[in-house]
Amino acid sequence: MAEDGALLAIDAPRTSRYAGPVTYFSGAGGLVSTTDDYLRFALMLAGSGQWRDTRLLGRKTVDLMMTDHIEGLERNDFFPPGNGFGLGGSVVTDVAATQIPGTLGAWGWGWGGAASTNFWVDREEQLVGLVMVQYMPTFTYPLLPQFQALTYQALD
């Protein structure tokens, strides 16, 4: 933010390093997408691999993705309490330990973007939460936990 409170662009779209050809293939960075595509991806996962009338992933593949694969392993500070890790995202393993309203098995928000973009999928509640705030540095403000708490508090 500027001294007058105005927002500052960190990376201008026309000159962004992400607008050019890919020269470094990283599993932990560099993904660029649109909000619409991010939402479609999350909705496909919420639909157990199906988006509208098209099956993109098998139901059992999504089940495996959303299963904790690190149970019993030593955890570091990266993993919030009450969460394990599935294939590509965090998995809620103990709702009480998270100290946030939620659902056992909700998946996703453990692997967000550099500018505070993130999402989670709760198949039991048929719910997708999507945050595309473009705020850096990530984790400066606890936006996602607050958004998640407010979302679950609003459910009937």
N, C-alpha and C. Protein backbone atom coordinates (compact mmCIF):
# COMPACT_ATOMS: atom_id res chain seq x y z
N MET A 1 0.84 -1.19 0.00
CA MET A 1 0.00 0.00 0.00
C MET A 1 0.87 1.24 0.00
N ALA A 2 0.40 2.24 -0.68
CA ALA A 2 1.10 3.52 -0.69
C ALA A 2 0.83 4.25 0.62
N GLU A 3 1.61 5.28 0.89
CA GLU A 3 1.44 6.04 2.13
C GLU A 3 0.04 6.64 2.26
N ASP A 4 -0.57 6.97 1.10
CA ASP A 4 -1.92 7.54 1.13
C ASP A 4 -3.02 6.48 1.23
N GLY A 5 -2.62 5.20 1.35
CA GLY A 5 -3.59 4.12 1.49
C GLY A 5 -4.00 3.49 0.17
N ALA A 6 -3.52 4.03 -0.94
CA ALA A 6 -3.87 3.47 -2.25
C ALA A 6 -3.16 2.13 -2.46
N LEU A 7 -3.79 1.27 -3.23
CA LEU A 7 -3.18 -0.02 -3.55
C LEU A 7 -2.10 0.16 -4.61
N LEU A 8 -1.04 -0.62 -4.50
CA LEU A 8 0.05 -0.58 -5.46
C LEU A 8 0.12 -1.92 -6.19
N ALA A 9 0.32 -1.86 -7.49
CA ALA A 9 0.49 -3.09 -8.26
C ALA A 9 1.91 -3.60 -8.04
N ILE A 10 2.03 -4.85 -7.66
CA ILE A 10 3.33 -5.46 -7.45
C ILE A 10 3.86 -6.00 -8.77
N ASP A 11 2.96 -6.47 -9.62
CA ASP A 11 3.34 -7.12 -10.87
C ASP A 11 2.33 -6.69 -11.94
N ALA A 12 2.71 -5.78 -12.81
CA ALA A 12 1.80 -5.27 -13.84
C ALA A 12 1.50 -6.37 -14.86
N PRO A 13 0.23 -6.57 -15.22
CA PRO A 13 -0.14 -7.67 -16.13
C PRO A 13 0.62 -7.68 -17.46
N ARG A 14 0.84 -6.55 -18.06
CA ARG A 14 1.49 -6.51 -19.39
C ARG A 14 2.96 -6.87 -19.34
N THR A 15 3.60 -6.59 -18.21
CA THR A 15 5.04 -6.86 -18.11
C THR A 15 5.35 -7.98 -17.12
N SER A 16 4.34 -8.67 -16.66
CA SER A 16 4.52 -9.72 -15.68
C SER A 16 5.41 -10.84 -16.18
N ARG A 17 6.23 -11.37 -15.29
CA ARG A 17 7.06 -12.51 -15.67
C ARG A 17 6.20 -13.75 -15.96
N TYR A 18 4.96 -13.75 -15.50
CA TYR A 18 4.07 -14.88 -15.74
C TYR A 18 3.40 -14.81 -17.12
N ALA A 19 3.53 -13.68 -17.82
CA ALA A 19 2.90 -13.53 -19.13
C ALA A 19 3.76 -14.12 -20.24
N GLY A 20 5.02 -14.42 -19.97
CA GLY A 20 5.92 -14.94 -20.99
C GLY A 20 5.97 -16.45 -21.00
N PRO A 21 6.81 -16.99 -21.85
CA PRO A 21 6.94 -18.44 -21.93
C PRO A 21 7.50 -19.04 -20.64
N VAL A 22 7.13 -20.27 -20.36
CA VAL A 22 7.60 -20.96 -19.16
C VAL A 22 9.04 -21.42 -19.38
N THR A 23 9.92 -21.05 -18.46
CA THR A 23 11.31 -21.49 -18.55
C THR A 23 11.72 -22.33 -17.36
N TYR A 24 10.90 -22.33 -16.32
CA TYR A 24 11.21 -23.11 -15.12
C TYR A 24 9.95 -23.84 -14.71
N PHE A 25 9.98 -25.16 -14.74
CA PHE A 25 8.82 -25.96 -14.41
C PHE A 25 8.88 -26.34 -12.94
N SER A 26 7.98 -25.78 -12.16
CA SER A 26 8.00 -25.98 -10.71
C SER A 26 6.66 -26.50 -10.25
N GLY A 27 6.69 -27.55 -9.44
CA GLY A 27 5.46 -28.07 -8.87
C GLY A 27 4.94 -27.21 -7.74
N ALA A 28 5.72 -26.24 -7.30
CA ALA A 28 5.33 -25.41 -6.17
C ALA A 28 5.12 -23.95 -6.56
N GLY A 29 5.07 -23.63 -7.82
CA GLY A 29 4.87 -22.23 -8.16
C GLY A 29 4.70 -22.02 -9.65
N GLY A 30 4.21 -20.84 -9.98
CA GLY A 30 4.11 -20.44 -11.37
C GLY A 30 2.77 -20.71 -12.03
N LEU A 31 1.83 -21.31 -11.33
CA LEU A 31 0.52 -21.55 -11.93
C LEU A 31 -0.22 -20.23 -12.08
N VAL A 32 -0.72 -19.98 -13.26
CA VAL A 32 -1.49 -18.78 -13.54
C VAL A 32 -2.81 -19.24 -14.14
N SER A 33 -3.91 -18.69 -13.63
CA SER A 33 -5.22 -19.10 -14.10
C SER A 33 -6.20 -17.95 -13.96
N THR A 34 -7.44 -18.22 -14.29
CA THR A 34 -8.50 -17.24 -14.10
C THR A 34 -9.36 -17.66 -12.92
N THR A 35 -10.08 -16.73 -12.36
CA THR A 35 -10.99 -17.04 -11.27
C THR A 35 -12.04 -18.06 -11.73
N ASP A 36 -12.56 -17.89 -12.94
CA ASP A 36 -13.56 -18.82 -13.46
C ASP A 36 -13.01 -20.25 -13.54
N ASP A 37 -11.79 -20.41 -14.04
CA ASP A 37 -11.21 -21.76 -14.15
C ASP A 37 -10.90 -22.34 -12.77
N TYR A 38 -10.42 -21.51 -11.86
CA TYR A 38 -10.14 -21.96 -10.49
C TYR A 38 -11.44 -22.47 -9.86
N LEU A 39 -12.52 -21.72 -10.05
CA LEU A 39 -13.82 -22.12 -9.50
C LEU A 39 -14.31 -23.42 -10.15
N ARG A 40 -14.17 -23.54 -11.47
CA ARG A 40 -14.59 -24.78 -12.15
C ARG A 40 -13.82 -25.98 -11.61
N PHE A 41 -12.51 -25.80 -11.38
CA PHE A 41 -11.69 -26.87 -10.84
C PHE A 41 -12.20 -27.27 -9.45
N ALA A 42 -12.46 -26.29 -8.60
CA ALA A 42 -12.95 -26.57 -7.25
C ALA A 42 -14.33 -27.25 -7.30
N LEU A 43 -15.20 -26.78 -8.17
CA LEU A 43 -16.53 -27.39 -8.30
C LEU A 43 -16.44 -28.83 -8.83
N MET A 44 -15.48 -29.08 -9.72
CA MET A 44 -15.27 -30.44 -10.21
C MET A 44 -14.86 -31.35 -9.06
N LEU A 45 -13.97 -30.87 -8.19
CA LEU A 45 -13.56 -31.67 -7.03
C LEU A 45 -14.73 -31.86 -6.06
N ALA A 46 -15.52 -30.81 -5.86
CA ALA A 46 -16.70 -30.93 -4.99
C ALA A 46 -17.69 -31.94 -5.56
N GLY A 47 -17.71 -32.08 -6.87
CA GLY A 47 -18.58 -33.06 -7.54
C GLY A 47 -17.91 -34.42 -7.67
N SER A 48 -16.91 -34.69 -6.82
CA SER A 48 -16.19 -35.97 -6.83
C SER A 48 -15.62 -36.32 -8.20
N GLY A 49 -15.13 -35.30 -8.91
CA GLY A 49 -14.47 -35.52 -10.20
C GLY A 49 -15.32 -35.21 -11.40
N GLN A 50 -16.56 -34.80 -11.17
CA GLN A 50 -17.46 -34.51 -12.29
C GLN A 50 -17.76 -33.02 -12.36
N TRP A 51 -17.68 -32.45 -13.55
CA TRP A 51 -18.05 -31.06 -13.78
C TRP A 51 -19.19 -31.06 -14.79
N ARG A 52 -20.34 -30.57 -14.34
CA ARG A 52 -21.56 -30.61 -15.14
C ARG A 52 -21.82 -32.04 -15.61
N ASP A 53 -21.83 -32.30 -16.90
CA ASP A 53 -22.13 -33.65 -17.40
C ASP A 53 -20.87 -34.43 -17.79
N THR A 54 -19.70 -33.93 -17.41
CA THR A 54 -18.45 -34.57 -17.83
C THR A 54 -17.65 -35.04 -16.63
N ARG A 55 -17.29 -36.31 -16.64
CA ARG A 55 -16.42 -36.85 -15.59
C ARG A 55 -14.98 -36.61 -16.01
N LEU A 56 -14.23 -35.86 -15.17
CA LEU A 56 -12.83 -35.54 -15.46
C LEU A 56 -11.87 -36.36 -14.61
N LEU A 57 -12.28 -36.75 -13.42
CA LEU A 57 -11.50 -37.61 -12.54
C LEU A 57 -12.43 -38.67 -11.98
N GLY A 58 -11.90 -39.84 -11.73
CA GLY A 58 -12.70 -40.89 -11.11
C GLY A 58 -13.04 -40.53 -9.66
N ARG A 59 -14.19 -40.95 -9.21
CA ARG A 59 -14.64 -40.67 -7.83
C ARG A 59 -13.62 -41.17 -6.81
N LYS A 60 -13.09 -42.36 -7.02
CA LYS A 60 -12.13 -42.92 -6.09
C LYS A 60 -10.79 -42.17 -6.14
N THR A 61 -10.45 -41.59 -7.28
CA THR A 61 -9.24 -40.76 -7.37
C THR A 61 -9.39 -39.53 -6.49
N VAL A 62 -10.55 -38.90 -6.54
CA VAL A 62 -10.80 -37.72 -5.70
C VAL A 62 -10.82 -38.13 -4.23
N ASP A 63 -11.42 -39.28 -3.92
CA ASP A 63 -11.39 -39.77 -2.54
C ASP A 63 -9.95 -39.92 -2.05
N LEU A 64 -9.09 -40.47 -2.89
CA LEU A 64 -7.69 -40.65 -2.51
C LEU A 64 -6.99 -39.31 -2.34
N MET A 65 -7.29 -38.35 -3.22
CA MET A 65 -6.71 -37.01 -3.08
C MET A 65 -7.07 -36.39 -1.74
N MET A 66 -8.28 -36.62 -1.29
CA MET A 66 -8.80 -35.96 -0.10
C MET A 66 -8.65 -36.80 1.17
N THR A 67 -7.73 -37.76 1.13
CA THR A 67 -7.41 -38.59 2.30
C THR A 67 -6.07 -38.15 2.85
N ASP A 68 -5.93 -38.11 4.16
CA ASP A 68 -4.67 -37.74 4.80
C ASP A 68 -3.60 -38.79 4.50
N HIS A 69 -2.50 -38.35 3.90
CA HIS A 69 -1.40 -39.25 3.56
C HIS A 69 -0.20 -39.08 4.48
N ILE A 70 -0.32 -38.25 5.50
CA ILE A 70 0.83 -38.03 6.39
C ILE A 70 0.51 -38.40 7.84
N GLU A 71 -0.57 -39.13 8.05
CA GLU A 71 -0.94 -39.54 9.40
C GLU A 71 0.23 -40.25 10.06
N GLY A 72 0.54 -39.85 11.28
CA GLY A 72 1.62 -40.46 12.04
C GLY A 72 2.99 -39.85 11.79
N LEU A 73 3.12 -38.99 10.78
CA LEU A 73 4.41 -38.35 10.52
C LEU A 73 4.57 -37.10 11.39
N GLU A 74 5.79 -36.76 11.68
CA GLU A 74 6.06 -35.54 12.44
C GLU A 74 5.63 -34.33 11.62
N ARG A 75 4.98 -33.39 12.27
CA ARG A 75 4.46 -32.20 11.58
C ARG A 75 5.32 -30.99 11.92
N ASN A 76 5.41 -30.05 11.01
CA ASN A 76 6.08 -28.79 11.31
C ASN A 76 5.04 -27.68 11.38
N ASP A 77 5.48 -26.46 11.51
CA ASP A 77 4.56 -25.32 11.66
C ASP A 77 3.76 -25.04 10.40
N PHE A 78 4.15 -25.62 9.26
CA PHE A 78 3.42 -25.40 8.02
C PHE A 78 2.00 -25.95 8.10
N PHE A 79 1.83 -27.05 8.84
CA PHE A 79 0.53 -27.68 8.94
C PHE A 79 -0.23 -27.13 10.13
N PRO A 80 -1.33 -26.44 9.87
CA PRO A 80 -2.14 -25.94 10.99
C PRO A 80 -2.68 -27.11 11.81
N PRO A 81 -2.91 -26.90 13.10
CA PRO A 81 -3.47 -27.97 13.93
C PRO A 81 -4.78 -28.51 13.33
N GLY A 82 -4.97 -29.82 13.44
CA GLY A 82 -6.20 -30.44 12.97
C GLY A 82 -6.22 -30.75 11.49
N ASN A 83 -5.08 -30.57 10.82
CA ASN A 83 -5.01 -30.81 9.38
C ASN A 83 -3.92 -31.82 9.06
N GLY A 84 -4.22 -32.68 8.11
CA GLY A 84 -3.23 -33.54 7.50
C GLY A 84 -3.00 -33.05 6.09
N PHE A 85 -2.46 -33.92 5.25
CA PHE A 85 -2.22 -33.50 3.88
C PHE A 85 -2.56 -34.65 2.94
N GLY A 86 -3.38 -34.35 1.94
CA GLY A 86 -3.74 -35.33 0.93
C GLY A 86 -2.87 -35.14 -0.29
N LEU A 87 -3.38 -35.47 -1.44
CA LEU A 87 -2.65 -35.29 -2.68
C LEU A 87 -2.96 -33.90 -3.23
N GLY A 88 -2.11 -32.95 -2.91
CA GLY A 88 -2.25 -31.59 -3.43
C GLY A 88 -2.96 -30.61 -2.53
N GLY A 89 -3.40 -31.01 -1.35
CA GLY A 89 -4.10 -30.07 -0.48
C GLY A 89 -4.22 -30.61 0.93
N SER A 90 -4.53 -29.71 1.84
CA SER A 90 -4.70 -30.11 3.24
C SER A 90 -6.03 -30.84 3.41
N VAL A 91 -6.12 -31.63 4.48
CA VAL A 91 -7.33 -32.39 4.80
C VAL A 91 -7.63 -32.16 6.27
N VAL A 92 -8.85 -31.74 6.59
CA VAL A 92 -9.22 -31.57 7.99
C VAL A 92 -9.37 -32.95 8.62
N THR A 93 -8.55 -33.19 9.66
CA THR A 93 -8.57 -34.48 10.35
C THR A 93 -9.17 -34.37 11.75
N ASP A 94 -9.27 -33.15 12.28
CA ASP A 94 -9.81 -32.93 13.62
C ASP A 94 -10.38 -31.51 13.65
N VAL A 95 -11.69 -31.40 13.46
CA VAL A 95 -12.33 -30.08 13.38
C VAL A 95 -12.09 -29.26 14.65
N ALA A 96 -12.20 -29.87 15.82
CA ALA A 96 -12.00 -29.14 17.07
C ALA A 96 -10.59 -28.55 17.15
N ALA A 97 -9.60 -29.30 16.70
CA ALA A 97 -8.22 -28.81 16.78
C ALA A 97 -7.96 -27.63 15.85
N THR A 98 -8.75 -27.49 14.78
CA THR A 98 -8.55 -26.36 13.87
C THR A 98 -9.00 -25.04 14.49
N GLN A 99 -9.90 -25.12 15.44
CA GLN A 99 -10.51 -23.96 16.09
C GLN A 99 -11.27 -23.09 15.11
N ILE A 100 -11.74 -23.70 14.02
CA ILE A 100 -12.54 -23.02 13.00
C ILE A 100 -13.71 -23.94 12.68
N PRO A 101 -14.94 -23.44 12.59
CA PRO A 101 -16.03 -24.31 12.17
C PRO A 101 -15.70 -24.96 10.82
N GLY A 102 -16.07 -26.19 10.65
CA GLY A 102 -15.77 -26.87 9.39
C GLY A 102 -16.29 -28.28 9.40
N THR A 103 -15.74 -29.10 8.50
CA THR A 103 -16.18 -30.47 8.32
C THR A 103 -14.97 -31.39 8.23
N LEU A 104 -15.05 -32.51 8.89
CA LEU A 104 -14.03 -33.54 8.79
C LEU A 104 -13.89 -33.94 7.33
N GLY A 105 -12.68 -33.93 6.81
CA GLY A 105 -12.44 -34.31 5.42
C GLY A 105 -12.46 -33.17 4.43
N ALA A 106 -12.81 -31.94 4.86
CA ALA A 106 -12.76 -30.80 3.93
C ALA A 106 -11.32 -30.69 3.43
N TRP A 107 -11.16 -30.31 2.19
CA TRP A 107 -9.85 -30.42 1.52
C TRP A 107 -9.49 -29.13 0.79
N GLY A 108 -8.21 -28.81 0.75
CA GLY A 108 -7.75 -27.82 -0.21
C GLY A 108 -6.88 -26.70 0.25
N TRP A 109 -7.20 -26.02 1.32
CA TRP A 109 -6.58 -24.71 1.51
C TRP A 109 -5.16 -24.74 2.01
N GLY A 110 -4.55 -25.89 2.13
CA GLY A 110 -3.17 -25.95 2.57
C GLY A 110 -2.16 -25.62 1.49
N TRP A 111 -2.61 -25.30 0.30
CA TRP A 111 -1.68 -25.08 -0.81
C TRP A 111 -2.17 -23.89 -1.63
N GLY A 112 -2.05 -22.71 -1.07
CA GLY A 112 -2.58 -21.52 -1.73
C GLY A 112 -1.56 -20.82 -2.60
N GLY A 113 -1.98 -19.70 -3.16
CA GLY A 113 -1.13 -18.93 -4.05
C GLY A 113 -0.33 -17.87 -3.31
N ALA A 114 0.66 -17.33 -3.99
CA ALA A 114 1.57 -16.35 -3.40
C ALA A 114 0.86 -15.07 -2.99
N ALA A 115 -0.21 -14.72 -3.66
CA ALA A 115 -0.91 -13.46 -3.38
C ALA A 115 -2.20 -13.71 -2.59
N SER A 116 -2.17 -14.70 -1.71
CA SER A 116 -3.29 -15.03 -0.82
C SER A 116 -4.48 -15.65 -1.52
N THR A 117 -4.31 -16.12 -2.75
CA THR A 117 -5.40 -16.85 -3.40
C THR A 117 -5.49 -18.23 -2.76
N ASN A 118 -6.69 -18.73 -2.61
CA ASN A 118 -6.86 -20.02 -1.97
C ASN A 118 -8.29 -20.52 -2.14
N PHE A 119 -8.49 -21.80 -1.80
CA PHE A 119 -9.83 -22.37 -1.87
C PHE A 119 -9.91 -23.59 -0.97
N TRP A 120 -11.12 -24.01 -0.69
CA TRP A 120 -11.32 -25.31 -0.05
C TRP A 120 -12.60 -25.92 -0.59
N VAL A 121 -12.67 -27.25 -0.45
CA VAL A 121 -13.80 -28.03 -0.94
C VAL A 121 -14.35 -28.84 0.22
N ASP A 122 -15.64 -28.72 0.45
CA ASP A 122 -16.33 -29.51 1.48
C ASP A 122 -17.44 -30.28 0.78
N ARG A 123 -17.16 -31.54 0.45
CA ARG A 123 -18.15 -32.32 -0.31
C ARG A 123 -19.37 -32.65 0.53
N GLU A 124 -19.20 -32.81 1.84
CA GLU A 124 -20.35 -33.14 2.69
C GLU A 124 -21.37 -32.00 2.69
N GLU A 125 -20.91 -30.77 2.74
CA GLU A 125 -21.80 -29.61 2.74
C GLU A 125 -22.10 -29.12 1.32
N GLN A 126 -21.53 -29.76 0.31
CA GLN A 126 -21.64 -29.31 -1.08
C GLN A 126 -21.26 -27.83 -1.19
N LEU A 127 -20.03 -27.56 -0.71
CA LEU A 127 -19.56 -26.19 -0.54
C LEU A 127 -18.17 -26.03 -1.11
N VAL A 128 -17.96 -24.91 -1.79
CA VAL A 128 -16.64 -24.50 -2.23
C VAL A 128 -16.41 -23.09 -1.74
N GLY A 129 -15.26 -22.85 -1.11
CA GLY A 129 -14.86 -21.50 -0.72
C GLY A 129 -13.70 -21.08 -1.59
N LEU A 130 -13.77 -19.88 -2.16
CA LEU A 130 -12.74 -19.40 -3.09
C LEU A 130 -12.36 -17.98 -2.70
N VAL A 131 -11.07 -17.75 -2.52
CA VAL A 131 -10.55 -16.43 -2.14
C VAL A 131 -9.55 -15.99 -3.20
N MET A 132 -9.79 -14.87 -3.83
CA MET A 132 -8.89 -14.35 -4.87
C MET A 132 -8.57 -12.88 -4.58
N VAL A 133 -7.90 -12.62 -3.46
CA VAL A 133 -7.73 -11.25 -3.02
C VAL A 133 -6.53 -10.52 -3.57
N GLN A 134 -5.48 -11.24 -4.03
CA GLN A 134 -4.27 -10.61 -4.55
C GLN A 134 -3.61 -9.71 -3.50
N TYR A 135 -3.39 -10.26 -2.33
CA TYR A 135 -2.78 -9.52 -1.23
C TYR A 135 -1.44 -10.17 -0.87
N MET A 136 -0.39 -9.36 -0.89
CA MET A 136 0.94 -9.87 -0.58
C MET A 136 1.56 -9.07 0.55
N PRO A 137 2.36 -9.71 1.36
CA PRO A 137 2.71 -11.12 1.34
C PRO A 137 1.60 -11.97 1.97
N THR A 138 1.54 -13.21 1.49
CA THR A 138 0.57 -14.17 2.00
C THR A 138 0.77 -14.35 3.50
N PHE A 139 -0.27 -14.66 4.21
CA PHE A 139 -0.28 -14.93 5.65
C PHE A 139 -0.06 -13.69 6.51
N THR A 140 -0.03 -12.50 5.89
CA THR A 140 0.10 -11.27 6.68
C THR A 140 -1.17 -11.03 7.47
N TYR A 141 -2.29 -11.36 6.87
CA TYR A 141 -3.59 -11.19 7.49
C TYR A 141 -4.32 -12.52 7.41
N PRO A 142 -4.94 -13.01 8.48
CA PRO A 142 -5.57 -14.34 8.47
C PRO A 142 -6.93 -14.35 7.75
N LEU A 143 -6.92 -13.93 6.51
CA LEU A 143 -8.16 -13.80 5.75
C LEU A 143 -8.87 -15.14 5.55
N LEU A 144 -8.15 -16.18 5.14
CA LEU A 144 -8.81 -17.44 4.84
C LEU A 144 -9.48 -18.07 6.06
N PRO A 145 -8.81 -18.17 7.21
CA PRO A 145 -9.51 -18.74 8.37
C PRO A 145 -10.75 -17.94 8.76
N GLN A 146 -10.67 -16.61 8.65
CA GLN A 146 -11.83 -15.78 8.98
C GLN A 146 -12.95 -15.98 7.97
N PHE A 147 -12.61 -16.06 6.69
CA PHE A 147 -13.60 -16.30 5.64
C PHE A 147 -14.27 -17.66 5.84
N GLN A 148 -13.47 -18.66 6.16
CA GLN A 148 -14.00 -20.00 6.38
C GLN A 148 -14.94 -20.01 7.60
N ALA A 149 -14.52 -19.38 8.70
CA ALA A 149 -15.37 -19.34 9.89
C ALA A 149 -16.70 -18.66 9.60
N LEU A 150 -16.66 -17.53 8.90
CA LEU A 150 -17.89 -16.81 8.58
C LEU A 150 -18.79 -17.63 7.64
N THR A 151 -18.17 -18.33 6.69
CA THR A 151 -18.94 -19.15 5.75
C THR A 151 -19.70 -20.24 6.51
N TYR A 152 -19.00 -20.97 7.37
CA TYR A 152 -19.67 -22.06 8.11
C TYR A 152 -20.70 -21.53 9.11
N GLN A 153 -20.44 -20.37 9.69
CA GLN A 153 -21.40 -19.80 10.63
C GLN A 153 -22.69 -19.39 9.92
N ALA A 154 -22.63 -19.15 8.63
CA ALA A 154 -23.81 -18.73 7.87
C ALA A 154 -24.68 -19.91 7.41
N LEU A 155 -24.19 -21.15 7.56
CA LEU A 155 -24.98 -22.30 7.10
C LEU A 155 -26.13 -22.58 8.05
N ASP A 156 -27.25 -23.02 7.50
CA ASP A 156 -28.40 -23.43 8.31
C ASP A 156 -28.11 -24.77 8.96
